[in-house]
Amino acid sequence: RSREKGAYVLARERRGPGRKAGRAKMEPGGVGGCGGPGPLIVNNKQRGGLLPAGKGREFNRNQRKDSEGYSESPDLEFEYADTDRWSAELSELYSYTEGPEFQLNRKCFEEDFRVHVLDKKWTELDSDQHRTHAMRLLDGLEVTAREKRLKVARAILYVAQGTFGECGSEAEVQAWMRYNIFLLLEVGTFNALVELLNMEIDNSAACSSAVRKPAISLADSTDLRVLLNIMYLIVETARQEAEGDKVEWKTMRQTFRAELGAPLYNNEPFSVMLFGMVTKFCSGHAPHFPMKKVLLLLWKTVLCTLGGFEELQAMKAEKREILGLPPLPEDSIKVIRNMRAASPPASASDLIEQQQKRGRREHKALIKQDNLDAFNERDPYKADDSREEEEENDDDNSLEGETFPLERDEVMPPSIQHPPTDRLACPKGLPWAPKVREKDIEMFLESSRSKFIGYTLGSDTNTVVGLPRPIHESIRTLKLHKYTSIAEVQVQMEEEYLRSPSPGGKRKWSKFLRKPCTRASFPACPST
């Protein structure tokens, strides 16, 4: 590219005041010492004269297909699910700046471990010794000194990370990590961590100090990050079942799920506490909160207590059957999984900026001299004096975003033929059935009556007297795709209960609040 750019600059300097851009020639050795005429600049808009008739549009269309992919290229290898693999989900928790802290956690654990155990490693102890040392670490979290408490928390984090310093493979680390986390759950570590987290949230001194600082550093959120890391590892590991899990681990998992959704922490579920952290961060009162870790822990807490997409779909089907509503037309999650991956549309500002750049810039390319001579013979009176200033101001931009075909064959490259097996069978039409609300039908009828009759009938959706036949067909089509959601029924039940409060209405609501987390957060709603 530097050689081609030098050739362009040299050609522009050698051009005389009355010489056309297309007629300027270069001396031998103009491009790196090579003989023969060198490449020159022409306007890309006039390149159609060098292409066979009807080939210019096809060339641009092929280029656009290759750049955008269309439906001929294979789809992305992406699985639309609640979570990724366990190892991938664990790696999402850490950032690159936390790399040195792994060795710091190991150092804190080994310093405390060698005080009580001198001649053995953690992996060489039996279960009773593991439980004894875990209880000892748990007692260390109750000290008042912040630095000592932080060292103990780092030691617990190293245990939750699988004591990787004593393992020889990744599989061994994962096995010990699972064992250690259920051990920490057994001794009650999670409840102690929640109390420490609540104390850090209410630490007004740290919040005011972070608000006054112009920039937040990692040191401002050290305690929070260590606590959130331990809790995330516990929730993510305990919520997933494995083949080699013990019977007591399965019982412990069910108990942990029940406690996680129950109002045991300041009379509110743990997820409500995390939502409060998000609100406090967004309001600007606690800018030092590590929000990525908070959101990850909140997401995994919701998955552990309420379930994922599959549980949600089964719950929706069950509730619709209880309310007497028709079944769902399709599973939206399965439809999305079968859809082709697509990029989000560009914003209006980006499109306007691209159009402005496209209007200011003239696309130029380098071609051989014989092609340029043939072009100038067709249009010998074409002058570029009006383009002199634009070329001087835009020479760098025109060379950076365009490729430079030096041969005739490269002007129109052959289109890339993808194998037919890569094509995706995308069905025509909408990927899922349309859903029309009752309010949409009412609004359509109201506007139609106002236009054709001159009056409205309120919420009447059956009277169509005086309306033209196309409106009748439109109403019939809308009613064919009418969809009543569970939320609409719940809103109607709430309005009815507010009009005439009764114990019976409260019992109706209890049918929909089977999940402990939902049942615990429902009393906080203003309407109740």
Protein backbone atom coordinates (compact mmCIF):
# COMPACT_ATOMS: atom_id res chain seq x y z
CA ARG A 1 0.00 0.00 0.00
CA SER A 2 2.88 2.40 0.76
CA ARG A 3 4.32 1.79 -2.75
CA GLU A 4 0.97 2.50 -4.38
CA LYS A 5 0.49 5.61 -2.29
CA GLY A 6 3.94 6.88 -3.29
CA ALA A 7 3.12 6.30 -6.95
CA TYR A 8 -0.07 8.31 -6.58
CA VAL A 9 1.71 11.26 -4.92
CA LEU A 10 4.48 11.27 -7.53
CA ALA A 11 1.96 11.23 -10.37
CA ARG A 12 0.07 14.16 -8.89
CA GLU A 13 3.27 16.22 -8.50
CA ARG A 14 4.33 15.56 -12.10
CA ARG A 15 0.96 16.63 -13.47
CA GLY A 16 1.10 20.00 -15.22
CA PRO A 17 -1.48 22.78 -14.84
CA GLY A 18 -3.10 22.02 -18.22
CA ARG A 19 -2.61 18.24 -18.21
CA LYS A 20 -5.49 15.91 -17.50
CA ALA A 21 -5.19 13.41 -14.68
CA GLY A 22 -5.77 10.52 -17.03
CA ARG A 23 -2.93 11.48 -19.41
CA ALA A 24 -0.10 11.80 -16.86
CA LYS A 25 2.55 9.08 -17.26
CA MET A 26 5.34 7.96 -14.99
CA GLU A 27 8.95 7.38 -15.79
CA PRO A 28 10.47 3.91 -15.48
CA GLY A 29 11.21 3.03 -11.90
CA GLY A 30 8.32 5.09 -10.58
CA VAL A 31 6.95 2.24 -8.47
CA GLY A 32 9.80 0.70 -6.57
CA GLY A 33 12.16 0.83 -9.55
CA CYS A 34 9.91 -1.20 -11.89
CA GLY A 35 9.74 -0.17 -15.51
CA GLY A 36 6.67 0.58 -17.54
CA PRO A 37 3.77 2.89 -16.96
CA GLY A 38 2.64 3.09 -13.37
CA PRO A 39 -0.88 2.96 -12.00
CA LEU A 40 -2.88 6.16 -11.81
CA ILE A 41 -6.10 7.41 -10.25
CA VAL A 42 -9.54 7.35 -11.82
CA ASN A 43 -12.96 7.99 -10.39
CA ASN A 44 -14.71 4.84 -9.26
CA LYS A 45 -17.98 6.15 -10.66
CA GLN A 46 -16.51 6.00 -14.18
CA ARG A 47 -15.17 2.48 -13.81
CA GLY A 48 -18.26 1.14 -15.56
CA GLY A 49 -16.66 2.02 -18.87
CA LEU A 50 -13.95 -0.56 -18.22
CA LEU A 51 -16.37 -3.37 -17.36
CA PRO A 52 -18.46 -5.35 -19.79
CA ALA A 53 -21.99 -4.18 -20.27
CA GLY A 54 -24.31 -5.18 -17.42
CA LYS A 55 -21.48 -6.42 -15.20
CA GLY A 56 -21.11 -3.40 -12.93
CA ARG A 57 -24.29 -3.96 -10.96
CA GLU A 58 -23.58 -7.67 -10.66
CA PHE A 59 -20.07 -6.93 -9.35
CA ASN A 60 -21.40 -4.57 -6.67
CA ARG A 61 -24.13 -7.02 -5.73
CA ASN A 62 -21.62 -9.87 -5.34
CA GLN A 63 -19.39 -7.70 -3.18
CA ARG A 64 -22.35 -6.79 -0.98
CA LYS A 65 -23.35 -10.44 -0.65
CA ASP A 66 -19.85 -11.47 0.37
CA SER A 67 -19.59 -8.71 2.96
CA GLU A 68 -23.04 -9.12 4.50
CA GLY A 69 -23.14 -12.89 4.36
CA TYR A 70 -26.82 -13.12 3.35
CA SER A 71 -28.30 -16.57 4.02
CA GLU A 72 -25.72 -18.49 1.99
CA SER A 73 -23.01 -18.41 4.66
CA PRO A 74 -23.17 -20.84 7.60
CA ASP A 75 -24.81 -19.66 10.79
CA LEU A 76 -22.93 -18.79 13.96
CA GLU A 77 -22.16 -21.57 16.41
CA PHE A 78 -24.15 -20.14 19.29
CA GLU A 79 -26.43 -21.96 21.71
CA TYR A 80 -29.37 -19.93 22.97
CA ALA A 81 -29.76 -21.19 26.56
CA ASP A 82 -29.89 -20.02 30.16
CA THR A 83 -26.20 -20.54 30.79
CA ASP A 84 -23.06 -21.83 29.13
CA ARG A 85 -20.87 -24.67 30.33
CA TRP A 86 -19.93 -24.64 34.00
CA SER A 87 -16.28 -23.81 33.33
CA ALA A 88 -17.24 -20.99 30.97
CA GLU A 89 -19.65 -19.51 33.50
CA LEU A 90 -16.95 -19.54 36.17
CA SER A 91 -14.49 -17.76 33.89
CA GLU A 92 -17.06 -15.01 33.21
CA LEU A 93 -16.81 -13.94 36.84
CA TYR A 94 -13.20 -12.76 36.80
CA SER A 95 -11.57 -9.86 35.01
CA TYR A 96 -7.99 -9.65 33.76
CA THR A 97 -7.06 -7.26 36.55
CA GLU A 98 -7.89 -9.93 39.15
CA GLY A 99 -5.15 -12.29 37.96
CA PRO A 100 -2.61 -11.44 40.68
CA GLU A 101 -5.26 -11.97 43.36
CA PHE A 102 -5.33 -15.73 42.74
CA GLN A 103 -1.85 -16.09 44.20
CA LEU A 104 -2.73 -13.68 46.99
CA ASN A 105 -5.70 -15.86 47.94
CA ARG A 106 -3.46 -18.92 47.95
CA LYS A 107 -0.91 -17.17 50.15
CA CYS A 108 -3.57 -16.15 52.70
CA PHE A 109 -4.88 -19.71 52.87
CA GLU A 110 -1.48 -21.36 53.24
CA GLU A 111 -0.37 -18.94 55.96
CA ASP A 112 -3.42 -19.80 58.05
CA PHE A 113 -3.38 -23.49 57.13
CA ARG A 114 0.26 -24.03 58.16
CA VAL A 115 -0.46 -22.67 61.62
CA HIS A 116 -2.76 -25.63 62.33
CA VAL A 117 -1.54 -28.33 59.89
CA LEU A 118 2.20 -28.64 59.37
CA ASP A 119 2.96 -31.81 57.42
CA LYS A 120 -0.05 -32.33 55.14
CA LYS A 121 -1.82 -30.68 52.25
CA TRP A 122 -5.51 -29.87 52.02
CA THR A 123 -6.05 -32.68 49.53
CA GLU A 124 -4.46 -35.17 51.95
CA LEU A 125 -6.82 -34.52 54.86
CA ASP A 126 -9.96 -36.53 55.61
CA SER A 127 -13.49 -35.14 55.71
CA ASP A 128 -13.48 -34.52 59.47
CA GLN A 129 -10.29 -32.48 59.26
CA HIS A 130 -11.73 -30.54 56.31
CA ARG A 131 -14.84 -29.72 58.31
CA THR A 132 -12.79 -28.66 61.33
CA HIS A 133 -10.66 -26.25 59.34
CA ALA A 134 -13.71 -24.88 57.51
CA MET A 135 -15.33 -24.11 60.87
CA ARG A 136 -12.10 -22.42 61.94
CA LEU A 137 -12.18 -20.20 58.84
CA LEU A 138 -15.82 -19.40 59.49
CA ASP A 139 -14.97 -18.22 63.00
CA GLY A 140 -12.30 -15.95 61.52
CA LEU A 141 -14.99 -13.99 59.64
CA GLU A 142 -16.38 -12.70 62.93
CA VAL A 143 -13.31 -10.67 63.93
CA THR A 144 -13.66 -6.91 64.04
CA ALA A 145 -10.37 -6.05 62.32
CA ARG A 146 -11.03 -5.48 58.64
CA GLU A 147 -7.62 -6.67 57.40
CA LYS A 148 -7.80 -9.96 59.32
CA ARG A 149 -11.34 -10.53 58.13
CA LEU A 150 -10.28 -9.89 54.54
CA LYS A 151 -7.44 -12.41 54.80
CA VAL A 152 -9.83 -15.07 56.08
CA ALA A 153 -12.26 -14.26 53.27
CA ARG A 154 -9.47 -14.67 50.72
CA ALA A 155 -8.58 -18.04 52.27
CA ILE A 156 -12.21 -19.14 51.93
CA LEU A 157 -12.20 -17.94 48.33
CA TYR A 158 -9.14 -20.09 47.63
CA VAL A 159 -10.96 -23.10 49.09
CA ALA A 160 -14.01 -22.32 46.93
CA GLN A 161 -11.72 -22.12 43.89
CA GLY A 162 -10.72 -25.74 44.43
CA THR A 163 -7.29 -25.29 46.08
CA PHE A 164 -5.80 -25.22 42.58
CA GLY A 165 -2.23 -25.04 43.91
CA GLU A 166 -2.42 -28.69 45.03
CA CYS A 167 -4.08 -30.10 41.89
CA GLY A 168 -2.44 -31.36 38.73
CA SER A 169 -5.22 -31.05 36.15
CA GLU A 170 -8.32 -29.01 35.41
CA ALA A 171 -10.61 -31.97 36.08
CA GLU A 172 -9.05 -32.42 39.51
CA VAL A 173 -9.54 -28.74 40.28
CA GLN A 174 -13.22 -28.95 39.33
CA ALA A 175 -13.73 -32.07 41.46
CA TRP A 176 -12.15 -30.48 44.53
CA MET A 177 -14.02 -27.26 43.89
CA ARG A 178 -17.34 -29.06 43.97
CA TYR A 179 -16.39 -30.92 47.15
CA ASN A 180 -15.16 -27.78 48.91
CA ILE A 181 -18.24 -25.74 48.03
CA PHE A 182 -20.65 -28.29 49.46
CA LEU A 183 -18.39 -28.43 52.52
CA LEU A 184 -18.70 -24.65 52.91
CA LEU A 185 -22.47 -24.92 52.52
CA GLU A 186 -22.59 -27.59 55.20
CA VAL A 187 -20.86 -25.45 57.82
CA GLY A 188 -23.07 -22.40 57.06
CA THR A 189 -20.61 -20.18 55.21
CA PHE A 190 -23.18 -18.62 52.89
CA ASN A 191 -25.26 -17.10 55.70
CA ALA A 192 -22.13 -15.56 57.22
CA LEU A 193 -21.17 -14.11 53.84
CA VAL A 194 -24.63 -12.57 53.42
CA GLU A 195 -24.26 -10.81 56.77
CA LEU A 196 -20.87 -9.43 55.74
CA LEU A 197 -22.28 -8.33 52.39
CA ASN A 198 -25.13 -6.54 54.11
CA MET A 199 -22.62 -4.80 56.37
CA GLU A 200 -20.58 -3.65 53.35
CA ILE A 201 -23.72 -2.37 51.63
CA ASP A 202 -24.63 -0.27 54.66
CA ASN A 203 -21.07 1.06 55.04
CA SER A 204 -21.80 4.75 54.62
CA ALA A 205 -18.15 5.75 55.01
CA ALA A 206 -17.09 3.69 52.01
CA CYS A 207 -20.01 5.01 49.94
CA SER A 208 -19.29 8.65 50.72
CA SER A 209 -15.58 8.16 50.04
CA ALA A 210 -16.32 6.58 46.67
CA VAL A 211 -18.70 9.40 45.74
CA ARG A 212 -16.03 12.03 46.43
CA LYS A 213 -13.38 10.27 44.35
CA PRO A 214 -13.04 11.34 40.70
CA ALA A 215 -12.15 7.78 39.62
CA ILE A 216 -12.98 4.42 41.19
CA SER A 217 -10.19 1.84 41.53
CA LEU A 218 -10.12 -1.86 42.36
CA ALA A 219 -9.03 -1.10 45.91
CA ASP A 220 -12.38 0.58 46.61
CA SER A 221 -14.29 -2.67 46.04
CA THR A 222 -11.86 -5.29 47.35
CA ASP A 223 -14.06 -6.59 50.17
CA LEU A 224 -17.16 -6.65 48.00
CA ARG A 225 -15.41 -8.46 45.17
CA VAL A 226 -14.06 -11.19 47.44
CA LEU A 227 -17.47 -11.77 49.04
CA LEU A 228 -19.33 -11.75 45.72
CA ASN A 229 -16.80 -14.15 44.19
CA ILE A 230 -17.32 -16.70 46.96
CA MET A 231 -21.10 -16.39 46.83
CA TYR A 232 -21.18 -16.67 43.04
CA LEU A 233 -19.08 -19.83 43.09
CA ILE A 234 -21.35 -21.34 45.74
CA VAL A 235 -24.59 -20.50 43.91
CA GLU A 236 -23.36 -21.51 40.46
CA THR A 237 -21.92 -24.82 41.67
CA ALA A 238 -24.71 -25.78 44.06
CA ARG A 239 -27.55 -25.14 41.61
CA GLN A 240 -26.21 -27.59 38.98
CA GLU A 241 -26.55 -31.32 39.35
CA ALA A 242 -23.76 -33.73 38.44
CA GLU A 243 -23.64 -37.47 37.97
CA GLY A 244 -21.32 -38.18 40.89
CA ASP A 245 -23.21 -36.10 43.46
CA LYS A 246 -23.77 -37.71 46.83
CA VAL A 247 -27.23 -38.14 48.33
CA GLU A 248 -26.52 -35.58 51.04
CA TRP A 249 -25.42 -33.11 48.37
CA LYS A 250 -28.79 -33.40 46.62
CA THR A 251 -30.59 -32.80 49.90
CA MET A 252 -28.31 -29.86 50.61
CA ARG A 253 -29.09 -28.40 47.17
CA GLN A 254 -32.84 -28.47 47.79
CA THR A 255 -32.40 -26.87 51.21
CA PHE A 256 -30.14 -24.19 49.77
CA ARG A 257 -32.67 -23.32 47.06
CA ALA A 258 -35.42 -22.97 49.64
CA GLU A 259 -33.30 -20.74 51.87
CA LEU A 260 -32.13 -18.63 48.94
CA GLY A 261 -35.70 -17.72 48.01
CA ALA A 262 -37.05 -17.36 51.54
CA PRO A 263 -37.07 -14.02 53.43
CA LEU A 264 -34.31 -15.03 55.81
CA TYR A 265 -31.98 -12.08 55.22
CA ASN A 266 -33.39 -8.92 56.86
CA ASN A 267 -36.90 -10.28 56.23
CA GLU A 268 -36.34 -10.26 52.47
CA PRO A 269 -35.00 -12.75 49.93
CA PHE A 270 -31.39 -12.60 48.87
CA SER A 271 -32.34 -11.52 45.35
CA VAL A 272 -34.13 -8.45 46.75
CA MET A 273 -30.90 -7.47 48.50
CA LEU A 274 -29.03 -7.70 45.19
CA PHE A 275 -31.71 -5.65 43.44
CA GLY A 276 -31.18 -3.02 46.12
CA MET A 277 -27.47 -2.94 45.27
CA VAL A 278 -28.33 -2.33 41.62
CA THR A 279 -30.67 0.52 42.55
CA LYS A 280 -28.08 2.08 44.84
CA PHE A 281 -25.43 1.91 42.14
CA CYS A 282 -27.68 3.38 39.45
CA SER A 283 -28.69 6.27 41.70
CA GLY A 284 -25.03 7.20 42.14
CA HIS A 285 -24.89 6.62 45.90
CA ALA A 286 -22.49 3.64 45.64
CA PRO A 287 -20.33 3.93 42.51
CA HIS A 288 -17.77 1.48 43.91
CA PHE A 289 -20.09 -1.54 43.70
CA PRO A 290 -18.70 -4.18 41.28
CA MET A 291 -21.86 -4.24 39.22
CA LYS A 292 -20.82 -7.01 36.83
CA LYS A 293 -20.41 -9.44 39.70
CA VAL A 294 -23.65 -8.27 41.30
CA LEU A 295 -25.62 -8.84 38.10
CA LEU A 296 -24.05 -12.24 37.52
CA LEU A 297 -24.85 -13.33 41.06
CA LEU A 298 -28.39 -11.96 40.73
CA TRP A 299 -28.94 -13.86 37.48
CA LYS A 300 -27.71 -17.13 38.96
CA THR A 301 -29.82 -16.56 42.09
CA VAL A 302 -32.93 -16.14 39.94
CA LEU A 303 -32.06 -19.31 38.02
CA CYS A 304 -31.56 -21.21 41.27
CA THR A 305 -34.79 -20.06 42.92
CA LEU A 306 -37.22 -19.59 40.03
CA GLY A 307 -35.70 -21.72 37.28
CA GLY A 308 -34.78 -21.00 33.68
CA PHE A 309 -36.60 -20.81 30.35
CA GLU A 310 -37.84 -24.39 30.43
CA GLU A 311 -39.34 -24.02 33.90
CA LEU A 312 -40.89 -20.71 32.87
CA GLN A 313 -42.56 -22.27 29.84
CA ALA A 314 -43.94 -25.15 31.89
CA MET A 315 -45.21 -22.74 34.54
CA LYS A 316 -46.94 -20.57 31.94
CA ALA A 317 -48.67 -23.60 30.43
CA GLU A 318 -49.85 -24.71 33.88
CA LYS A 319 -51.18 -21.27 34.83
CA ARG A 320 -53.01 -20.85 31.52
CA GLU A 321 -54.72 -24.17 32.05
CA ILE A 322 -55.79 -23.12 35.56
CA LEU A 323 -57.22 -19.83 34.26
CA GLY A 324 -59.05 -21.53 31.40
CA LEU A 325 -57.00 -19.80 28.70
CA PRO A 326 -56.10 -21.49 25.41
CA PRO A 327 -52.63 -23.08 25.27
CA LEU A 328 -49.65 -21.19 23.96
CA PRO A 329 -49.41 -21.20 20.15
CA GLU A 330 -45.70 -22.04 20.23
CA ASP A 331 -42.62 -22.14 22.43
CA SER A 332 -40.93 -18.79 21.84
CA ILE A 333 -37.58 -20.06 23.17
CA LYS A 334 -37.50 -22.93 20.66
CA VAL A 335 -38.41 -20.51 17.87
CA ILE A 336 -35.57 -18.18 18.81
CA ARG A 337 -33.11 -21.07 18.96
CA ASN A 338 -33.94 -21.97 15.35
CA MET A 339 -33.70 -18.41 14.06
CA ARG A 340 -30.66 -17.22 12.20
CA ALA A 341 -28.26 -14.95 14.06
CA ALA A 342 -28.48 -11.32 12.94
CA SER A 343 -26.79 -8.06 13.82
CA PRO A 344 -28.90 -5.30 15.38
CA PRO A 345 -29.89 -2.49 13.00
CA ALA A 346 -27.70 0.57 12.92
CA SER A 347 -28.91 3.70 14.67
CA ALA A 348 -30.18 6.68 12.72
CA SER A 349 -27.15 8.79 13.65
CA ASP A 350 -24.76 6.12 12.32
CA LEU A 351 -26.67 5.89 9.03
CA ILE A 352 -26.62 9.67 8.57
CA GLU A 353 -22.89 9.79 9.31
CA GLN A 354 -22.20 7.04 6.78
CA GLN A 355 -24.21 8.86 4.12
CA GLN A 356 -22.31 12.09 4.76
CA LYS A 357 -18.96 10.32 4.49
CA ARG A 358 -20.08 8.58 1.33
CA GLY A 359 -21.10 11.91 -0.18
CA ARG A 360 -17.81 13.64 0.67
CA ARG A 361 -15.50 10.85 -0.39
CA GLU A 362 -14.78 9.87 -3.99
CA HIS A 363 -13.79 6.23 -4.26
CA LYS A 364 -10.66 5.91 -6.35
CA ALA A 365 -8.69 2.90 -7.45
CA LEU A 366 -5.41 2.24 -9.26
CA ILE A 367 -5.58 0.65 -12.69
CA LYS A 368 -3.11 0.03 -15.47
CA GLN A 369 -2.21 2.75 -17.94
CA ASP A 370 -3.60 0.95 -21.01
CA ASN A 371 -7.06 0.79 -19.41
CA LEU A 372 -6.84 4.49 -18.61
CA ASP A 373 -5.84 5.36 -22.17
CA ALA A 374 -8.79 3.44 -23.53
CA PHE A 375 -11.08 5.30 -21.17
CA ASN A 376 -9.74 8.73 -22.15
CA GLU A 377 -10.16 7.95 -25.83
CA ARG A 378 -13.87 7.52 -25.18
CA ASP A 379 -14.09 10.79 -23.21
CA PRO A 380 -11.14 12.98 -24.32
CA TYR A 381 -12.67 16.28 -23.13
CA LYS A 382 -13.18 15.21 -19.52
CA ALA A 383 -11.21 17.58 -17.26
CA ASP A 384 -10.59 17.29 -13.56
CA ASP A 385 -9.67 20.87 -12.76
CA SER A 386 -12.68 21.14 -10.44
CA ARG A 387 -11.45 18.10 -8.58
CA GLU A 388 -7.92 19.36 -7.84
CA GLU A 389 -8.66 20.71 -4.36
CA GLU A 390 -10.70 17.65 -3.35
CA GLU A 391 -7.86 15.32 -4.35
CA GLU A 392 -5.37 17.26 -2.26
CA ASN A 393 -7.63 17.20 0.82
CA ASP A 394 -8.87 13.62 0.50
CA ASP A 395 -5.91 11.70 -0.91
CA ASP A 396 -5.18 9.82 2.34
CA ASN A 397 -8.79 8.87 3.01
CA SER A 398 -9.35 7.62 -0.52
CA LEU A 399 -6.44 5.21 -0.33
CA GLU A 400 -7.13 3.68 3.07
CA GLY A 401 -10.64 2.29 2.56
CA GLU A 402 -10.27 0.91 -1.01
CA THR A 403 -8.43 -2.04 -2.49
CA PHE A 404 -6.25 -1.47 -5.56
CA PRO A 405 -6.63 -4.06 -8.34
CA LEU A 406 -3.55 -3.86 -10.58
CA GLU A 407 -4.67 -6.34 -13.21
CA ARG A 408 -7.71 -6.44 -15.46
CA ASP A 409 -8.84 -9.77 -14.02
CA GLU A 410 -8.95 -8.33 -10.52
CA VAL A 411 -11.43 -5.60 -11.44
CA MET A 412 -14.30 -8.10 -11.32
CA PRO A 413 -13.35 -11.09 -9.12
CA PRO A 414 -15.38 -14.26 -9.46
CA SER A 415 -18.23 -14.65 -7.00
CA ILE A 416 -17.69 -17.10 -4.15
CA GLN A 417 -19.88 -20.16 -4.49
CA HIS A 418 -20.86 -21.57 -1.12
CA PRO A 419 -21.75 -25.26 -0.93
CA PRO A 420 -25.48 -25.95 -0.93
CA THR A 421 -25.22 -27.70 2.44
CA ASP A 422 -24.43 -24.38 4.15
CA ARG A 423 -27.73 -22.84 3.14
CA LEU A 424 -30.26 -22.46 5.91
CA ALA A 425 -33.87 -23.33 5.30
CA CYS A 426 -35.41 -20.11 6.58
CA PRO A 427 -39.22 -20.24 6.44
CA LYS A 428 -40.97 -17.33 4.78
CA GLY A 429 -43.14 -15.13 6.95
CA LEU A 430 -43.10 -14.44 10.65
CA PRO A 431 -41.18 -16.89 12.84
CA TRP A 432 -44.06 -17.05 15.34
CA ALA A 433 -47.80 -16.49 15.35
CA PRO A 434 -48.99 -12.88 15.79
CA LYS A 435 -50.64 -11.95 19.07
CA VAL A 436 -53.40 -9.35 19.26
CA ARG A 437 -54.70 -7.91 22.51
CA GLU A 438 -58.32 -7.05 23.22
CA LYS A 439 -57.27 -3.42 23.58
CA ASP A 440 -55.81 -3.45 20.05
CA ILE A 441 -59.14 -4.61 18.62
CA GLU A 442 -60.99 -1.91 20.57
CA MET A 443 -58.65 0.82 19.33
CA PHE A 444 -58.95 -0.37 15.73
CA LEU A 445 -62.76 -0.42 15.91
CA GLU A 446 -62.86 2.98 17.59
CA SER A 447 -60.74 4.60 14.88
CA SER A 448 -62.74 2.87 12.11
CA ARG A 449 -66.09 3.99 13.56
CA SER A 450 -64.84 7.55 13.97
CA LYS A 451 -63.73 7.59 10.34
CA PHE A 452 -66.70 5.93 8.60
CA ILE A 453 -69.64 6.53 10.97
CA GLY A 454 -68.69 9.49 13.12
CA TYR A 455 -69.28 8.04 16.59
CA THR A 456 -67.84 5.33 18.84
CA LEU A 457 -69.33 2.56 20.96
CA GLY A 458 -66.70 2.28 23.67
CA SER A 459 -65.50 -1.25 24.37
CA ASP A 460 -68.03 -2.94 22.07
CA THR A 461 -66.08 -5.24 19.72
CA ASN A 462 -69.04 -7.07 18.14
CA THR A 463 -71.10 -4.33 16.47
CA VAL A 464 -69.83 -3.67 12.95
CA VAL A 465 -72.93 -2.04 11.44
CA GLY A 466 -72.08 0.69 8.96
CA LEU A 467 -68.48 -0.36 8.46
CA PRO A 468 -67.23 -1.45 5.02
CA ARG A 469 -66.52 -5.09 4.23
CA PRO A 470 -62.68 -4.78 4.35
CA ILE A 471 -63.03 -3.59 7.96
CA HIS A 472 -65.15 -6.67 8.71
CA GLU A 473 -62.41 -8.92 7.35
CA SER A 474 -59.75 -7.05 9.31
CA ILE A 475 -61.69 -7.47 12.55
CA ARG A 476 -62.20 -11.16 11.81
CA THR A 477 -58.44 -11.57 11.26
CA LEU A 478 -57.61 -9.70 14.46
CA LYS A 479 -59.99 -11.84 16.51
CA LEU A 480 -58.52 -14.96 14.93
CA HIS A 481 -55.12 -14.08 16.44
CA LYS A 482 -56.43 -12.73 19.73
CA TYR A 483 -54.16 -13.59 22.65
CA THR A 484 -54.92 -13.15 26.34
CA SER A 485 -51.84 -13.15 28.54
CA ILE A 486 -51.66 -14.22 32.16
CA ALA A 487 -50.63 -10.68 33.09
CA GLU A 488 -53.92 -9.26 31.78
CA VAL A 489 -55.91 -11.72 33.86
CA GLN A 490 -53.85 -10.89 36.94
CA VAL A 491 -54.41 -7.16 36.39
CA GLN A 492 -58.15 -7.75 36.17
CA MET A 493 -58.07 -9.81 39.36
CA GLU A 494 -56.11 -7.09 41.14
CA GLU A 495 -58.55 -4.39 40.03
CA GLU A 496 -61.46 -6.52 41.19
CA TYR A 497 -59.77 -7.11 44.54
CA LEU A 498 -59.13 -3.37 44.99
CA ARG A 499 -62.77 -2.57 44.28
CA SER A 500 -64.06 -5.13 46.78
CA PRO A 501 -61.34 -6.48 49.11
CA SER A 502 -62.18 -9.90 50.46
CA PRO A 503 -60.31 -12.92 51.83
CA GLY A 504 -61.45 -14.87 48.80
CA GLY A 505 -59.59 -12.53 46.48
CA LYS A 506 -56.45 -12.95 48.54
CA ARG A 507 -56.74 -16.73 48.27
CA LYS A 508 -56.99 -16.44 44.48
CA TRP A 509 -53.67 -14.61 44.44
CA SER A 510 -52.01 -17.34 46.48
CA LYS A 511 -52.47 -19.78 43.60
CA PHE A 512 -49.98 -17.80 41.52
CA LEU A 513 -47.36 -17.33 44.25
CA ARG A 514 -46.02 -20.83 44.68
CA LYS A 515 -42.35 -19.88 44.34
CA PRO A 516 -40.86 -18.82 47.69
CA CYS A 517 -39.03 -15.85 46.18
CA THR A 518 -42.20 -14.49 44.53
CA ARG A 519 -44.29 -15.14 47.62
CA ALA A 520 -41.78 -13.33 49.83
CA SER A 521 -41.46 -10.26 47.59
CA PHE A 522 -45.20 -9.94 46.91
CA PRO A 523 -46.09 -8.22 50.25
CA ALA A 524 -43.77 -5.35 49.30
CA CYS A 525 -45.98 -4.42 46.32
CA PRO A 526 -47.82 -1.09 46.85
CA SER A 527 -51.15 -2.52 45.66
CA THR A 528 -51.38 -4.98 48.58
